[in-house]
Protein backbone atom coordinates (compact mmCIF):
# COMPACT_ATOMS: atom_id res chain seq x y z
CA MET A 1 1.95 5.19 -29.30
CA SER A 2 -1.54 3.23 -28.39
CA ARG A 3 -3.71 5.50 -25.75
CA PHE A 4 -7.24 5.17 -23.94
CA ARG A 5 -9.04 6.05 -20.93
CA ILE A 6 -11.55 4.52 -18.44
CA GLU A 7 -13.98 6.18 -16.22
CA ARG A 8 -15.60 4.39 -13.62
CA LEU A 9 -18.18 5.71 -10.82
CA VAL A 10 -18.84 3.15 -7.56
CA ALA A 11 -20.66 3.10 -4.94
CA LEU A 12 -17.09 1.97 -3.22
CA ALA A 13 -15.14 4.29 -0.81
CA PRO A 14 -12.46 5.32 -2.02
CA ALA A 15 -9.95 3.56 0.21
CA GLU A 16 -11.51 0.50 -1.11
CA ALA A 17 -11.69 1.01 -4.74
CA TRP A 18 -8.04 2.77 -3.48
CA ARG A 19 -7.09 -1.43 -2.33
CA ARG A 20 -8.70 -3.21 -4.57
CA LEU A 21 -6.99 -1.63 -7.46
CA THR A 22 -3.56 -1.71 -6.02
CA ASP A 23 -4.16 -5.81 -5.50
CA TRP A 24 -2.56 -6.68 -8.91
CA PRO A 25 -3.04 -10.88 -8.44
CA ALA A 26 -6.41 -9.89 -8.95
CA HIS A 27 -5.95 -8.20 -11.70
CA GLY A 28 -3.98 -10.86 -14.16
CA ALA A 29 -7.01 -13.22 -12.77
CA LEU A 30 -9.25 -10.71 -14.74
CA VAL A 31 -7.37 -10.42 -18.07
CA PRO A 32 -8.06 -13.53 -19.94
CA LEU A 33 -4.97 -16.11 -20.46
CA THR A 34 -2.62 -13.24 -17.99
CA ARG A 35 -1.29 -14.64 -14.84
CA THR A 36 0.50 -11.65 -12.55
CA THR A 37 3.33 -11.85 -10.33
CA VAL A 38 4.69 -9.46 -7.34
CA LEU A 39 8.13 -10.09 -7.70
CA THR A 40 9.25 -7.08 -4.45
CA PRO A 41 8.61 -8.01 -0.67
CA GLY A 42 5.13 -5.89 0.23
CA PRO A 43 3.42 -3.50 1.51
CA ASN A 44 3.33 -1.83 -2.01
CA ALA A 45 4.77 1.22 -2.62
CA VAL A 46 7.35 3.01 -4.99
CA GLY A 47 9.50 0.70 -6.87
CA THR A 48 7.17 -2.07 -6.22
CA ARG A 49 8.29 -4.62 -9.08
CA PHE A 50 5.38 -7.53 -10.80
CA THR A 51 4.72 -8.89 -14.25
CA ALA A 52 1.70 -10.06 -16.13
CA ARG A 53 2.28 -13.56 -18.19
CA THR A 54 0.26 -13.88 -20.84
CA GLY A 55 -0.84 -16.50 -22.52
CA VAL A 56 -1.09 -20.62 -22.90
CA GLY A 57 2.59 -22.92 -21.63
CA ARG A 58 5.69 -21.23 -23.55
CA PHE A 59 3.38 -19.51 -25.88
CA GLY A 60 2.77 -16.15 -23.98
CA PHE A 61 4.90 -13.48 -23.27
CA ASP A 62 5.67 -11.21 -20.17
CA ASP A 63 4.53 -7.61 -18.82
CA PRO A 64 6.91 -6.95 -16.66
CA MET A 65 5.68 -3.42 -13.97
CA GLU A 66 7.26 -1.02 -11.71
CA VAL A 67 5.64 1.14 -9.48
CA VAL A 68 6.78 4.72 -9.78
CA ARG A 69 4.31 6.60 -8.02
CA LEU A 70 1.96 5.41 -5.04
CA GLU A 71 0.02 8.16 -3.48
CA PRO A 72 -3.50 6.85 -2.53
CA PRO A 73 -6.06 8.35 -1.54
CA GLY A 74 -6.60 10.71 1.33
CA PRO A 75 -9.01 13.11 2.93
CA GLY A 76 -9.74 15.82 -0.47
CA ARG A 77 -7.10 14.06 -2.10
CA PRO A 78 -7.22 11.69 -4.98
CA GLY A 79 -5.30 9.12 -5.18
CA VAL A 80 -2.41 8.41 -7.91
CA CYS A 81 -0.94 5.33 -8.82
CA ARG A 82 1.98 5.83 -11.88
CA LEU A 83 3.74 1.67 -13.43
CA VAL A 84 6.19 1.87 -16.19
CA LYS A 85 5.98 -1.15 -18.23
CA GLN A 86 9.48 -1.91 -18.72
CA GLY A 87 9.21 -5.43 -21.66
CA ARG A 88 10.96 -6.59 -24.94
CA VAL A 89 7.11 -6.58 -26.18
CA VAL A 90 4.72 -3.66 -24.41
CA ARG A 91 6.26 -0.75 -23.20
CA GLY A 92 5.01 1.39 -22.05
CA ARG A 93 3.35 3.33 -19.05
CA ALA A 94 0.17 2.94 -17.30
CA SER A 95 -1.82 5.67 -14.44
CA PHE A 96 -5.41 4.95 -12.63
CA GLU A 97 -6.83 8.09 -10.03
CA VAL A 98 -9.51 7.30 -7.51
CA SER A 99 -11.45 10.27 -6.08
CA GLY A 100 -14.52 10.40 -3.87
CA THR A 101 -17.77 12.23 -4.85
CA ALA A 102 -19.82 13.86 -2.83
CA SER A 103 -21.88 10.28 -2.16
CA GLY A 104 -19.40 8.60 -0.82
CA GLY A 105 -18.52 6.40 -3.66
CA SER A 106 -15.04 7.13 -5.58
CA ARG A 107 -14.66 7.44 -9.51
CA VAL A 108 -11.57 6.17 -11.07
CA VAL A 109 -9.70 7.22 -14.04
CA TRP A 110 -7.35 4.27 -15.95
CA THR A 111 -5.29 5.04 -18.50
CA GLU A 112 -2.40 4.09 -21.00
CA GLU A 113 -0.54 4.50 -23.11
CA LEU A 114 1.50 1.21 -25.36
CA ARG A 115 3.62 0.64 -27.91
CA VAL A 116 4.02 -3.47 -28.69
CA TRP A 117 6.73 -4.98 -30.47
CA GLY A 118 5.64 -5.76 -34.22
CA VAL A 119 2.43 -3.77 -34.52
CA PRO A 120 2.72 -1.50 -36.37
CA ALA A 121 1.56 2.52 -34.72
CA ALA A 122 -1.56 2.18 -37.87
CA LEU A 123 -2.95 0.03 -35.60
CA ASP A 124 -3.06 1.86 -33.23
CA PRO A 125 -6.74 2.48 -33.00
CA VAL A 126 -7.42 -0.52 -32.97
CA LEU A 127 -4.92 -1.49 -29.63
CA ALA A 128 -6.95 0.70 -28.14
CA ALA A 129 -10.33 -0.34 -28.13
CA ALA A 130 -8.71 -3.85 -27.14
CA GLY A 131 -7.52 -2.25 -24.59
CA ARG A 132 -10.66 -0.12 -23.05
CA LEU A 133 -13.28 -3.27 -23.05
CA VAL A 134 -10.27 -5.69 -21.87
CA PHE A 135 -9.48 -2.97 -19.33
CA GLY A 136 -12.47 -1.94 -18.98
CA ARG A 137 -14.35 -5.34 -17.82
CA ALA A 138 -11.10 -6.31 -16.17
CA LEU A 139 -11.99 -3.14 -14.02
CA ASP A 140 -15.64 -3.40 -13.50
CA VAL A 141 -15.15 -7.01 -12.02
CA LEU A 142 -12.71 -5.34 -9.55
CA LEU A 143 -15.14 -2.28 -8.75
CA ARG A 144 -18.15 -4.70 -8.28
CA ASP A 145 -19.69 -3.38 -4.67
């Protein structure tokens, strides 16, 4: 299983960082060749489902996900979101935590554990490096002040 972790310190207040990170369609707009569709009516909650479709035309794959934990940040406690990836191509988990900093900003930690169908375990380090690059860029844009 490929694993990667990304950490960012940003000037955004935790509530704003959380709002941006739980805007699922915004994620798809930032990942190359990807569009995200929310499948359940809002607001976000445990059980929210969405699919990230990556590809061009009929050549691509779906990455369906479900929110299994969703606890927004509050006074003195971090926000935690956990997703389960349920696709035929991509399986695994993703999570992020948003905590406040002494300066009034936020610390965001994003982690993923992925298994991609057809990709041998020997390539997990390559997949992790690609994940850090793609998701790191997406986080930088989502959290830009």
